Amino acid sequence: DPVAALVLGPTPELKLLLVGGRTVVADGELR
């Protein structure tokens, strides 16, 4: 269950974090 993995498991790395479609984090690194 991916939601259980996110909530109960270790903190995962972000492949992407997007704000209004703009990349703020990629591959775990702030851009």
PDB file of all heavy atoms in Angstrom:
ATOM      1  N   ASP A   1       0.855  -1.185   0.000  1.00  0.00           N
ATOM      2  CA  ASP A   1       0.000   0.000   0.000  1.00  0.00           C
ATOM      3  C   ASP A   1       0.895   1.241   0.000  1.00  0.00           C
ATOM      4  O   ASP A   1       1.580   1.525   0.992  1.00  0.00           O
ATOM      5  CB  ASP A   1      -0.884  -0.019   1.245  1.00  0.00           C
ATOM      6  CG  ASP A   1      -1.796   1.200   1.348  1.00  0.00           C
ATOM      7  OD1 ASP A   1      -1.614   2.161   0.591  1.00  0.00           O
ATOM      8  OD2 ASP A   1      -2.685   1.171   2.226  1.00  0.00           O
ATOM      9  N   PRO A   2       0.937   2.010  -1.094  1.00  0.00           N
ATOM     10  CA  PRO A   2       1.863   3.143  -1.149  1.00  0.00           C
ATOM     11  C   PRO A   2       1.566   4.228  -0.121  1.00  0.00           C
ATOM     12  O   PRO A   2       2.487   4.898   0.357  1.00  0.00           O
ATOM     13  CB  PRO A   2       1.718   3.667  -2.581  1.00  0.00           C
ATOM     14  CG  PRO A   2       0.408   3.152  -3.052  1.00  0.00           C
ATOM     15  CD  PRO A   2       0.183   1.850  -2.357  1.00  0.00           C
ATOM     16  N   VAL A   3       0.314   4.437   0.231  1.00  0.00           N
ATOM     17  CA  VAL A   3      -0.007   5.449   1.243  1.00  0.00           C
ATOM     18  C   VAL A   3       0.488   4.995   2.607  1.00  0.00           C
ATOM     19  O   VAL A   3       1.035   5.789   3.387  1.00  0.00           O
ATOM     20  CB  VAL A   3      -1.515   5.754   1.262  1.00  0.00           C
ATOM     21  CG1 VAL A   3      -1.839   6.783   2.348  1.00  0.00           C
ATOM     22  CG2 VAL A   3      -1.970   6.263  -0.096  1.00  0.00           C
ATOM     23  N   ALA A   4       0.347   3.715   2.902  1.00  0.00           N
ATOM     24  CA  ALA A   4       0.891   3.184   4.157  1.00  0.00           C
ATOM     25  C   ALA A   4       2.409   3.298   4.173  1.00  0.00           C
ATOM     26  O   ALA A   4       3.016   3.603   5.205  1.00  0.00           O
ATOM     27  CB  ALA A   4       0.469   1.728   4.340  1.00  0.00           C
ATOM     28  N   ALA A   5       3.036   3.073   3.019  1.00  0.00           N
ATOM     29  CA  ALA A   5       4.489   3.209   2.939  1.00  0.00           C
ATOM     30  C   ALA A   5       4.916   4.639   3.251  1.00  0.00           C
ATOM     31  O   ALA A   5       5.895   4.879   3.966  1.00  0.00           O
ATOM     32  CB  ALA A   5       4.980   2.789   1.556  1.00  0.00           C
ATOM     33  N   LEU A   6       4.178   5.618   2.710  1.00  0.00           N
ATOM     34  CA  LEU A   6       4.500   7.017   2.945  1.00  0.00           C
ATOM     35  C   LEU A   6       4.297   7.406   4.405  1.00  0.00           C
ATOM     36  O   LEU A   6       5.155   8.060   5.012  1.00  0.00           O
ATOM     37  CB  LEU A   6       3.621   7.902   2.053  1.00  0.00           C
ATOM     38  CG  LEU A   6       3.740   9.416   2.265  1.00  0.00           C
ATOM     39  CD1 LEU A   6       5.135   9.913   1.878  1.00  0.00           C
ATOM     40  CD2 LEU A   6       2.665  10.144   1.463  1.00  0.00           C
ATOM     41  N   VAL A   7       3.171   7.013   4.986  1.00  0.00           N
ATOM     42  CA  VAL A   7       2.817   7.474   6.327  1.00  0.00           C
ATOM     43  C   VAL A   7       3.535   6.681   7.419  1.00  0.00           C
ATOM     44  O   VAL A   7       4.038   7.259   8.387  1.00  0.00           O
ATOM     45  CB  VAL A   7       1.291   7.399   6.533  1.00  0.00           C
ATOM     46  CG1 VAL A   7       0.911   7.755   7.967  1.00  0.00           C
ATOM     47  CG2 VAL A   7       0.580   8.327   5.550  1.00  0.00           C
ATOM     48  N   LEU A   8       3.610   5.363   7.261  1.00  0.00           N
ATOM     49  CA  LEU A   8       4.160   4.527   8.325  1.00  0.00           C
ATOM     50  C   LEU A   8       5.634   4.209   8.148  1.00  0.00           C
ATOM     51  O   LEU A   8       6.329   3.909   9.129  1.00  0.00           O
ATOM     52  CB  LEU A   8       3.381   3.203   8.409  1.00  0.00           C
ATOM     53  CG  LEU A   8       1.897   3.314   8.752  1.00  0.00           C
ATOM     54  CD1 LEU A   8       1.258   1.928   8.728  1.00  0.00           C
ATOM     55  CD2 LEU A   8       1.683   3.969  10.110  1.00  0.00           C
ATOM     56  N   GLY A   9       6.127   4.262   6.916  1.00  0.00           N
ATOM     57  CA  GLY A   9       7.511   3.903   6.659  1.00  0.00           C
ATOM     58  C   GLY A   9       8.465   5.059   6.882  1.00  0.00           C
ATOM     59  O   GLY A   9       8.071   6.153   7.297  1.00  0.00           O
ATOM     60  N   PRO A  10       9.752   4.829   6.607  1.00  0.00           N
ATOM     61  CA  PRO A  10      10.737   5.913   6.705  1.00  0.00           C
ATOM     62  C   PRO A  10      10.411   7.041   5.728  1.00  0.00           C
ATOM     63  O   PRO A  10       9.722   6.832   4.723  1.00  0.00           O
ATOM     64  CB  PRO A  10      12.060   5.232   6.327  1.00  0.00           C
ATOM     65  CG  PRO A  10      11.812   3.765   6.447  1.00  0.00           C
ATOM     66  CD  PRO A  10      10.358   3.553   6.175  1.00  0.00           C
ATOM     67  N   THR A  11      10.894   8.224   6.032  1.00  0.00           N
ATOM     68  CA  THR A  11      10.673   9.354   5.137  1.00  0.00           C
ATOM     69  C   THR A  11      11.289   9.079   3.780  1.00  0.00           C
ATOM     70  O   THR A  11      12.495   8.864   3.671  1.00  0.00           O
ATOM     71  CB  THR A  11      11.294  10.629   5.726  1.00  0.00           C
ATOM     72  OG1 THR A  11      10.669  10.922   6.972  1.00  0.00           O
ATOM     73  CG2 THR A  11      11.107  11.807   4.777  1.00  0.00           C
ATOM     74  N   PRO A  12      10.477   9.071   2.713  1.00  0.00           N
ATOM     75  CA  PRO A  12      11.023   8.764   1.385  1.00  0.00           C
ATOM     76  C   PRO A  12      11.664   9.985   0.740  1.00  0.00           C
ATOM     77  O   PRO A  12      11.401  11.131   1.119  1.00  0.00           O
ATOM     78  CB  PRO A  12       9.794   8.316   0.595  1.00  0.00           C
ATOM     79  CG  PRO A  12       8.640   8.972   1.260  1.00  0.00           C
ATOM     80  CD  PRO A  12       9.012   9.210   2.699  1.00  0.00           C
ATOM     81  N   GLU A  13      12.482   9.725  -0.246  1.00  0.00           N
ATOM     82  CA  GLU A  13      13.060  10.808  -1.037  1.00  0.00           C
ATOM     83  C   GLU A  13      12.017  11.317  -2.020  1.00  0.00           C
ATOM     84  O   GLU A  13      11.185  10.571  -2.525  1.00  0.00           O
ATOM     85  CB  GLU A  13      14.285  10.305  -1.803  1.00  0.00           C
ATOM     86  CG  GLU A  13      14.966  11.363  -2.656  1.00  0.00           C
ATOM     87  CD  GLU A  13      16.152  10.812  -3.422  1.00  0.00           C
ATOM     88  OE1 GLU A  13      17.219  10.615  -2.797  1.00  0.00           O
ATOM     89  OE2 GLU A  13      16.011  10.554  -4.637  1.00  0.00           O
ATOM     90  N   LEU A  14      12.083  12.601  -2.294  1.00  0.00           N
ATOM     91  CA  LEU A  14      11.237  13.186  -3.322  1.00  0.00           C
ATOM     92  C   LEU A  14      11.906  13.066  -4.682  1.00  0.00           C
ATOM     93  O   LEU A  14      13.034  13.518  -4.863  1.00  0.00           O
ATOM     94  CB  LEU A  14      10.994  14.657  -3.022  1.00  0.00           C
ATOM     95  CG  LEU A  14       9.975  14.999  -1.931  1.00  0.00           C
ATOM     96  CD1 LEU A  14      10.129  16.446  -1.495  1.00  0.00           C
ATOM     97  CD2 LEU A  14       8.549  14.734  -2.420  1.00  0.00           C
ATOM     98  N   LYS A  15      11.193  12.470  -5.623  1.00  0.00           N
ATOM     99  CA  LYS A  15      11.666  12.530  -7.005  1.00  0.00           C
ATOM    100  C   LYS A  15      11.453  13.935  -7.539  1.00  0.00           C
ATOM    101  O   LYS A  15      12.318  14.501  -8.213  1.00  0.00           O
ATOM    102  CB  LYS A  15      10.923  11.511  -7.866  1.00  0.00           C
ATOM    103  CG  LYS A  15      11.361  11.504  -9.337  1.00  0.00           C
ATOM    104  CD  LYS A  15      10.573  10.489 -10.132  1.00  0.00           C
ATOM    105  CE  LYS A  15      10.974  10.487 -11.605  1.00  0.00           C
ATOM    106  NZ  LYS A  15      12.345   9.932 -11.803  1.00  0.00           N
ATOM    107  N   LEU A  16      10.293  14.503  -7.187  1.00  0.00           N
ATOM    108  CA  LEU A  16       9.972  15.869  -7.593  1.00  0.00           C
ATOM    109  C   LEU A  16       9.078  16.524  -6.550  1.00  0.00           C
ATOM    110  O   LEU A  16       8.214  15.857  -5.949  1.00  0.00           O
ATOM    111  CB  LEU A  16       9.222  15.898  -8.925  1.00  0.00           C
ATOM    112  CG  LEU A  16       9.982  15.629 -10.221  1.00  0.00           C
ATOM    113  CD1 LEU A  16       8.998  15.501 -11.375  1.00  0.00           C
ATOM    114  CD2 LEU A  16      10.995  16.734 -10.506  1.00  0.00           C
ATOM    115  N   LEU A  17       9.274  17.815  -6.338  1.00  0.00           N
ATOM    116  CA  LEU A  17       8.303  18.648  -5.646  1.00  0.00           C
ATOM    117  C   LEU A  17       8.027  19.829  -6.559  1.00  0.00           C
ATOM    118  O   LEU A  17       8.953  20.545  -6.970  1.00  0.00           O
ATOM    119  CB  LEU A  17       8.824  19.148  -4.298  1.00  0.00           C
ATOM    120  CG  LEU A  17       7.770  19.926  -3.492  1.00  0.00           C
ATOM    121  CD1 LEU A  17       6.788  18.956  -2.830  1.00  0.00           C
ATOM    122  CD2 LEU A  17       8.405  20.831  -2.442  1.00  0.00           C
ATOM    123  N   LEU A  18       6.745  20.018  -6.890  1.00  0.00           N
ATOM    124  CA  LEU A  18       6.345  21.021  -7.870  1.00  0.00           C
ATOM    125  C   LEU A  18       5.398  22.019  -7.222  1.00  0.00           C
ATOM    126  O   LEU A  18       4.441  21.629  -6.541  1.00  0.00           O
ATOM    127  CB  LEU A  18       5.647  20.353  -9.042  1.00  0.00           C
ATOM    128  CG  LEU A  18       6.458  19.264  -9.760  1.00  0.00           C
ATOM    129  CD1 LEU A  18       5.545  18.369 -10.583  1.00  0.00           C
ATOM    130  CD2 LEU A  18       7.525  19.895 -10.645  1.00  0.00           C
ATOM    131  N   VAL A  19       5.649  23.295  -7.425  1.00  0.00           N
ATOM    132  CA  VAL A  19       4.768  24.358  -6.953  1.00  0.00           C
ATOM    133  C   VAL A  19       4.285  25.115  -8.176  1.00  0.00           C
ATOM    134  O   VAL A  19       5.071  25.773  -8.863  1.00  0.00           O
ATOM    135  CB  VAL A  19       5.493  25.306  -5.987  1.00  0.00           C
ATOM    136  CG1 VAL A  19       4.561  26.441  -5.553  1.00  0.00           C
ATOM    137  CG2 VAL A  19       6.000  24.551  -4.760  1.00  0.00           C
ATOM    138  N   GLY A  20       3.005  24.949  -8.484  1.00  0.00           N
ATOM    139  CA  GLY A  20       2.492  25.535  -9.717  1.00  0.00           C
ATOM    140  C   GLY A  20       3.209  24.993 -10.938  1.00  0.00           C
ATOM    141  O   GLY A  20       3.389  25.704 -11.937  1.00  0.00           O
ATOM    142  N   GLY A  21       3.614  23.738 -10.881  1.00  0.00           N
ATOM    143  CA  GLY A  21       4.331  23.104 -11.977  1.00  0.00           C
ATOM    144  C   GLY A  21       5.809  23.419 -12.031  1.00  0.00           C
ATOM    145  O   GLY A  21       6.538  22.844 -12.844  1.00  0.00           O
ATOM    146  N   ARG A  22       6.276  24.309 -11.174  1.00  0.00           N
ATOM    147  CA  ARG A  22       7.701  24.687 -11.153  1.00  0.00           C
ATOM    148  C   ARG A  22       8.453  23.754 -10.224  1.00  0.00           C
ATOM    149  O   ARG A  22       8.021  23.483  -9.103  1.00  0.00           O
ATOM    150  CB  ARG A  22       7.844  26.129 -10.683  1.00  0.00           C
ATOM    151  CG  ARG A  22       9.282  26.617 -10.543  1.00  0.00           C
ATOM    152  CD  ARG A  22       9.306  28.105 -10.208  1.00  0.00           C
ATOM    153  NE  ARG A  22      10.669  28.580 -10.031  1.00  0.00           N
ATOM    154  CZ  ARG A  22      11.173  28.970  -8.867  1.00  0.00           C
ATOM    155  NH1 ARG A  22      10.431  28.915  -7.772  1.00  0.00           N
ATOM    156  NH2 ARG A  22      12.412  29.411  -8.793  1.00  0.00           N
ATOM    157  N   THR A  23       9.610  23.271 -10.659  1.00  0.00           N
ATOM    158  CA  THR A  23      10.388  22.328  -9.859  1.00  0.00           C
ATOM    159  C   THR A  23      11.096  23.059  -8.721  1.00  0.00           C
ATOM    160  O   THR A  23      11.877  23.975  -8.941  1.00  0.00           O
ATOM    161  CB  THR A  23      11.438  21.606 -10.725  1.00  0.00           C
ATOM    162  OG1 THR A  23      10.757  20.877 -11.749  1.00  0.00           O
ATOM    163  CG2 THR A  23      12.268  20.654  -9.887  1.00  0.00           C
ATOM    164  N   VAL A  24      10.819  22.616  -7.502  1.00  0.00           N
ATOM    165  CA  VAL A  24      11.490  23.149  -6.315  1.00  0.00           C
ATOM    166  C   VAL A  24      12.480  22.127  -5.763  1.00  0.00           C
ATOM    167  O   VAL A  24      13.563  22.481  -5.302  1.00  0.00           O
ATOM    168  CB  VAL A  24      10.458  23.548  -5.239  1.00  0.00           C
ATOM    169  CG1 VAL A  24      11.138  24.001  -3.947  1.00  0.00           C
ATOM    170  CG2 VAL A  24       9.544  24.657  -5.765  1.00  0.00           C
ATOM    171  N   VAL A  25      12.120  20.843  -5.828  1.00  0.00           N
ATOM    172  CA  VAL A  25      13.003  19.754  -5.404  1.00  0.00           C
ATOM    173  C   VAL A  25      13.027  18.712  -6.510  1.00  0.00           C
ATOM    174  O   VAL A  25      11.987  18.385  -7.086  1.00  0.00           O
ATOM    175  CB  VAL A  25      12.508  19.108  -4.086  1.00  0.00           C
ATOM    176  CG1 VAL A  25      13.392  17.913  -3.696  1.00  0.00           C
ATOM    177  CG2 VAL A  25      12.470  20.129  -2.954  1.00  0.00           C
ATOM    178  N   ALA A  26      14.204  18.202  -6.820  1.00  0.00           N
ATOM    179  CA  ALA A  26      14.344  17.106  -7.786  1.00  0.00           C
ATOM    180  C   ALA A  26      15.378  16.131  -7.252  1.00  0.00           C
ATOM    181  O   ALA A  26      16.467  16.537  -6.811  1.00  0.00           O
ATOM    182  CB  ALA A  26      14.760  17.631  -9.152  1.00  0.00           C
ATOM    183  N   ASP A  27      15.016  14.847  -7.280  1.00  0.00           N
ATOM    184  CA  ASP A  27      15.911  13.780  -6.812  1.00  0.00           C
ATOM    185  C   ASP A  27      16.451  14.084  -5.418  1.00  0.00           C
ATOM    186  O   ASP A  27      17.634  13.891  -5.124  1.00  0.00           O
ATOM    187  CB  ASP A  27      17.057  13.580  -7.801  1.00  0.00           C
ATOM    188  CG  ASP A  27      16.568  13.114  -9.164  1.00  0.00           C
ATOM    189  OD1 ASP A  27      15.595  12.331  -9.201  1.00  0.00           O
ATOM    190  OD2 ASP A  27      17.123  13.550 -10.188  1.00  0.00           O
ATOM    191  N   GLY A  28      15.562  14.559  -4.557  1.00  0.00           N
ATOM    192  CA  GLY A  28      15.907  14.793  -3.157  1.00  0.00           C
ATOM    193  C   GLY A  28      16.656  16.080  -2.886  1.00  0.00           C
ATOM    194  O   GLY A  28      16.931  16.387  -1.726  1.00  0.00           O
ATOM    195  N   GLU A  29      16.986  16.861  -3.915  1.00  0.00           N
ATOM    196  CA  GLU A  29      17.790  18.069  -3.734  1.00  0.00           C
ATOM    197  C   GLU A  29      16.980  19.322  -4.034  1.00  0.00           C
ATOM    198  O   GLU A  29      16.255  19.386  -5.031  1.00  0.00           O
ATOM    199  CB  GLU A  29      19.010  18.038  -4.656  1.00  0.00           C
ATOM    200  CG  GLU A  29      20.005  16.940  -4.330  1.00  0.00           C
ATOM    201  CD  GLU A  29      21.240  17.013  -5.210  1.00  0.00           C
ATOM    202  OE1 GLU A  29      21.313  17.922  -6.072  1.00  0.00           O
ATOM    203  OE2 GLU A  29      22.135  16.174  -5.041  1.00  0.00           O
ATOM    204  N   LEU A  30      17.131  20.308  -3.165  1.00  0.00           N
ATOM    205  CA  LEU A  30      16.517  21.605  -3.404  1.00  0.00           C
ATOM    206  C   LEU A  30      17.140  22.241  -4.637  1.00  0.00           C
ATOM    207  O   LEU A  30      18.367  22.279  -4.773  1.00  0.00           O
ATOM    208  CB  LEU A  30      16.737  22.500  -2.180  1.00  0.00           C
ATOM    209  CG  LEU A  30      16.028  23.853  -2.184  1.00  0.00           C
ATOM    210  CD1 LEU A  30      14.524  23.662  -2.012  1.00  0.00           C
ATOM    211  CD2 LEU A  30      16.582  24.741  -1.069  1.00  0.00           C
ATOM    212  N   ARG A  31      16.317  22.748  -5.537  1.00  0.00           N
ATOM    213  CA  ARG A  31      16.819  23.325  -6.779  1.00  0.00           C
ATOM    214  C   ARG A  31      16.683  24.849  -6.839  1.00  0.00           C
ATOM    215  O   ARG A  31      17.100  25.454  -7.831  1.00  0.00           O
ATOM    216  CB  ARG A  31      16.090  22.697  -7.967  1.00  0.00           C
ATOM    217  CG  ARG A  31      16.365  21.192  -8.119  1.00  0.00           C
ATOM    218  CD  ARG A  31      17.850  20.907  -8.287  1.00  0.00           C
ATOM    219  NE  ARG A  31      18.183  19.500  -8.240  1.00  0.00           N
ATOM    220  CZ  ARG A  31      18.256  18.707  -9.298  1.00  0.00           C
ATOM    221  NH1 ARG A  31      17.986  19.198 -10.493  1.00  0.00           N
ATOM    222  NH2 ARG A  31      18.581  17.448  -9.162  1.00  0.00           N
TER     223      ARG A  31
END
